[in-house]
Amino acid sequence: MEEIKEKIFEIKIGEEEQYVQIKISNLEDDQKSIMIQIIDVSKEILYDKEKAHTELLNLINATVSHEMRNPLNSIHSQNIENKALYDELEELIKDDEIDTDIIK
């Protein structure tokens, strides 16, 4: 039965990042022979990092842009909610269901 062990290592050469994947597998069932593969996976890893970074920036940009375009929506919603609470409180005071001494 062939057993494969894999690990990815980061190697820095000067300012450049390099990533290699090392695979070790047994060639025969008696486990006397092994095969070692060293594969350069730098492009895939760097692409994934750049893609994640771009998605994060897009998310931040969309959120900030939305809030900058629509600041009055949240203010307006809060005013409607406050008006409804005020009207409900006023109705309770008129019906003498609340002690007005607490409000003063």
C-alpha atoms as a PDB file:
ATOM      1  CA  MET A   1       0.000   0.000   0.000  1.00  0.00           C
ATOM      2  CA  GLU A   2       1.408   3.356  -1.017  1.00  0.00           C
ATOM      3  CA  GLU A   3       1.529   5.957   1.751  1.00  0.00           C
ATOM      4  CA  ILE A   4       1.986   9.586   0.736  1.00  0.00           C
ATOM      5  CA  LYS A   5       3.211  12.271   3.097  1.00  0.00           C
ATOM      6  CA  GLU A   6       3.002  15.894   1.957  1.00  0.00           C
ATOM      7  CA  LYS A   7       4.175  19.185   3.369  1.00  0.00           C
ATOM      8  CA  ILE A   8       4.506  22.700   1.948  1.00  0.00           C
ATOM      9  CA  PHE A   9       7.486  24.849   2.904  1.00  0.00           C
ATOM     10  CA  GLU A  10       8.068  28.567   2.420  1.00  0.00           C
ATOM     11  CA  ILE A  11      11.529  29.524   1.257  1.00  0.00           C
ATOM     12  CA  LYS A  12      12.710  33.135   1.038  1.00  0.00           C
ATOM     13  CA  ILE A  13      15.450  33.947  -1.401  1.00  0.00           C
ATOM     14  CA  GLY A  14      16.241  37.636  -0.979  1.00  0.00           C
ATOM     15  CA  GLU A  15      12.941  39.502  -1.210  1.00  0.00           C
ATOM     16  CA  GLU A  16      11.214  36.798  -3.250  1.00  0.00           C
ATOM     17  CA  GLU A  17       8.922  34.201  -1.675  1.00  0.00           C
ATOM     18  CA  GLN A  18       9.133  30.652  -2.977  1.00  0.00           C
ATOM     19  CA  TYR A  19       6.924  27.739  -1.952  1.00  0.00           C
ATOM     20  CA  VAL A  20       7.775  24.103  -2.480  1.00  0.00           C
ATOM     21  CA  GLN A  21       5.683  21.038  -1.813  1.00  0.00           C
ATOM     22  CA  ILE A  22       7.527  17.916  -0.787  1.00  0.00           C
ATOM     23  CA  LYS A  23       5.828  14.557  -1.311  1.00  0.00           C
ATOM     24  CA  ILE A  24       7.271  11.349   0.063  1.00  0.00           C
ATOM     25  CA  SER A  25       5.756   8.036  -0.980  1.00  0.00           C
ATOM     26  CA  ASN A  26       6.687   4.375  -0.738  1.00  0.00           C
ATOM     27  CA  LEU A  27       7.285   2.683  -4.070  1.00  0.00           C
ATOM     28  CA  GLU A  28       6.879  -0.887  -2.925  1.00  0.00           C
ATOM     29  CA  ASP A  29       4.979  -2.698  -0.206  1.00  0.00           C
ATOM     30  CA  ASP A  30       8.173  -3.724   1.572  1.00  0.00           C
ATOM     31  CA  GLN A  31       8.891  -0.025   2.237  1.00  0.00           C
ATOM     32  CA  LYS A  32      12.534  -0.285   1.187  1.00  0.00           C
ATOM     33  CA  SER A  33      12.198   2.210  -1.632  1.00  0.00           C
ATOM     34  CA  ILE A  34      10.757   5.701  -1.426  1.00  0.00           C
ATOM     35  CA  MET A  35      10.139   8.445  -3.920  1.00  0.00           C
ATOM     36  CA  ILE A  36      10.632  12.112  -3.012  1.00  0.00           C
ATOM     37  CA  GLN A  37       9.021  14.784  -5.180  1.00  0.00           C
ATOM     38  CA  ILE A  38       9.838  18.465  -4.796  1.00  0.00           C
ATOM     39  CA  ILE A  39       7.261  20.603  -6.598  1.00  0.00           C
ATOM     40  CA  ASP A  40       7.346  24.393  -6.978  1.00  0.00           C
ATOM     41  CA  VAL A  41       3.864  25.595  -5.941  1.00  0.00           C
ATOM     42  CA  SER A  42       4.802  29.275  -5.637  1.00  0.00           C
ATOM     43  CA  LYS A  43       2.443  30.493  -8.349  1.00  0.00           C
ATOM     44  CA  GLU A  44      -0.570  28.700  -6.855  1.00  0.00           C
ATOM     45  CA  ILE A  45       0.118  29.892  -3.288  1.00  0.00           C
ATOM     46  CA  LEU A  46       0.850  33.482  -4.321  1.00  0.00           C
ATOM     47  CA  TYR A  47      -2.254  33.514  -6.541  1.00  0.00           C
ATOM     48  CA  ASP A  48      -4.412  32.291  -3.631  1.00  0.00           C
ATOM     49  CA  LYS A  49      -2.928  34.936  -1.303  1.00  0.00           C
ATOM     50  CA  GLU A  50      -3.500  37.701  -3.848  1.00  0.00           C
ATOM     51  CA  LYS A  51      -7.049  36.501  -4.518  1.00  0.00           C
ATOM     52  CA  ALA A  52      -7.866  36.493  -0.772  1.00  0.00           C
ATOM     53  CA  HIS A  53      -6.345  39.966  -0.392  1.00  0.00           C
ATOM     54  CA  THR A  54      -8.351  41.297  -3.341  1.00  0.00           C
ATOM     55  CA  GLU A  55     -11.593  39.780  -1.999  1.00  0.00           C
ATOM     56  CA  LEU A  56     -10.984  41.405   1.389  1.00  0.00           C
ATOM     57  CA  LEU A  57     -10.352  44.807  -0.197  1.00  0.00           C
ATOM     58  CA  ASN A  58     -13.490  44.444  -2.334  1.00  0.00           C
ATOM     59  CA  LEU A  59     -15.561  43.609   0.747  1.00  0.00           C
ATOM     60  CA  ILE A  60     -14.192  46.591   2.678  1.00  0.00           C
ATOM     61  CA  ASN A  61     -14.724  48.879  -0.302  1.00  0.00           C
ATOM     62  CA  ALA A  62     -18.319  47.706  -0.805  1.00  0.00           C
ATOM     63  CA  THR A  63     -19.156  48.145   2.868  1.00  0.00           C
ATOM     64  CA  VAL A  64     -17.606  51.594   3.174  1.00  0.00           C
ATOM     65  CA  SER A  65     -19.073  52.763  -0.141  1.00  0.00           C
ATOM     66  CA  HIS A  66     -22.548  51.635   0.911  1.00  0.00           C
ATOM     67  CA  GLU A  67     -22.317  53.437   4.251  1.00  0.00           C
ATOM     68  CA  MET A  68     -20.990  56.605   2.622  1.00  0.00           C
ATOM     69  CA  ARG A  69     -23.782  56.655   0.050  1.00  0.00           C
ATOM     70  CA  ASN A  70     -26.560  55.900   2.512  1.00  0.00           C
ATOM     71  CA  PRO A  71     -25.862  57.606   5.850  1.00  0.00           C
ATOM     72  CA  LEU A  72     -29.342  59.115   5.971  1.00  0.00           C
ATOM     73  CA  ASN A  73     -31.034  55.715   5.803  1.00  0.00           C
ATOM     74  CA  SER A  74     -29.846  54.745   9.268  1.00  0.00           C
ATOM     75  CA  ILE A  75     -30.715  58.180  10.684  1.00  0.00           C
ATOM     76  CA  HIS A  76     -34.172  58.068   9.111  1.00  0.00           C
ATOM     77  CA  SER A  77     -34.828  54.536  10.425  1.00  0.00           C
ATOM     78  CA  GLN A  78     -33.795  55.555  13.925  1.00  0.00           C
ATOM     79  CA  ASN A  79     -36.106  58.592  13.789  1.00  0.00           C
ATOM     80  CA  ILE A  80     -39.063  56.444  12.728  1.00  0.00           C
ATOM     81  CA  GLU A  81     -38.367  54.011  15.567  1.00  0.00           C
ATOM     82  CA  ASN A  82     -38.048  56.852  18.096  1.00  0.00           C
ATOM     83  CA  LYS A  83     -41.299  58.437  16.847  1.00  0.00           C
ATOM     84  CA  ALA A  84     -43.144  55.133  17.258  1.00  0.00           C
ATOM     85  CA  LEU A  85     -41.815  54.739  20.807  1.00  0.00           C
ATOM     86  CA  TYR A  86     -42.709  58.347  21.614  1.00  0.00           C
ATOM     87  CA  ASP A  87     -46.256  57.914  20.278  1.00  0.00           C
ATOM     88  CA  GLU A  88     -46.692  54.712  22.291  1.00  0.00           C
ATOM     89  CA  LEU A  89     -45.462  56.436  25.457  1.00  0.00           C
ATOM     90  CA  GLU A  90     -47.749  59.404  24.820  1.00  0.00           C
ATOM     91  CA  GLU A  91     -50.730  57.053  24.419  1.00  0.00           C
ATOM     92  CA  LEU A  92     -49.908  55.312  27.690  1.00  0.00           C
ATOM     93  CA  ILE A  93     -49.712  58.664  29.480  1.00  0.00           C
ATOM     94  CA  LYS A  94     -53.098  59.729  28.084  1.00  0.00           C
ATOM     95  CA  ASP A  95     -54.654  56.471  29.266  1.00  0.00           C
ATOM     96  CA  ASP A  96     -53.095  56.948  32.743  1.00  0.00           C
ATOM     97  CA  GLU A  97     -51.477  53.541  32.483  1.00  0.00           C
ATOM     98  CA  ILE A  98     -48.108  54.952  33.498  1.00  0.00           C
ATOM     99  CA  ASP A  99     -47.150  57.018  36.506  1.00  0.00           C
ATOM    100  CA  THR A 100     -46.291  60.473  35.121  1.00  0.00           C
ATOM    101  CA  ASP A 101     -44.282  61.366  38.253  1.00  0.00           C
ATOM    102  CA  ILE A 102     -41.550  59.023  36.997  1.00  0.00           C
ATOM    103  CA  ILE A 103     -41.264  60.960  33.734  1.00  0.00           C
ATOM    104  CA  LYS A 104     -40.922  64.340  35.446  1.00  0.00           C
END
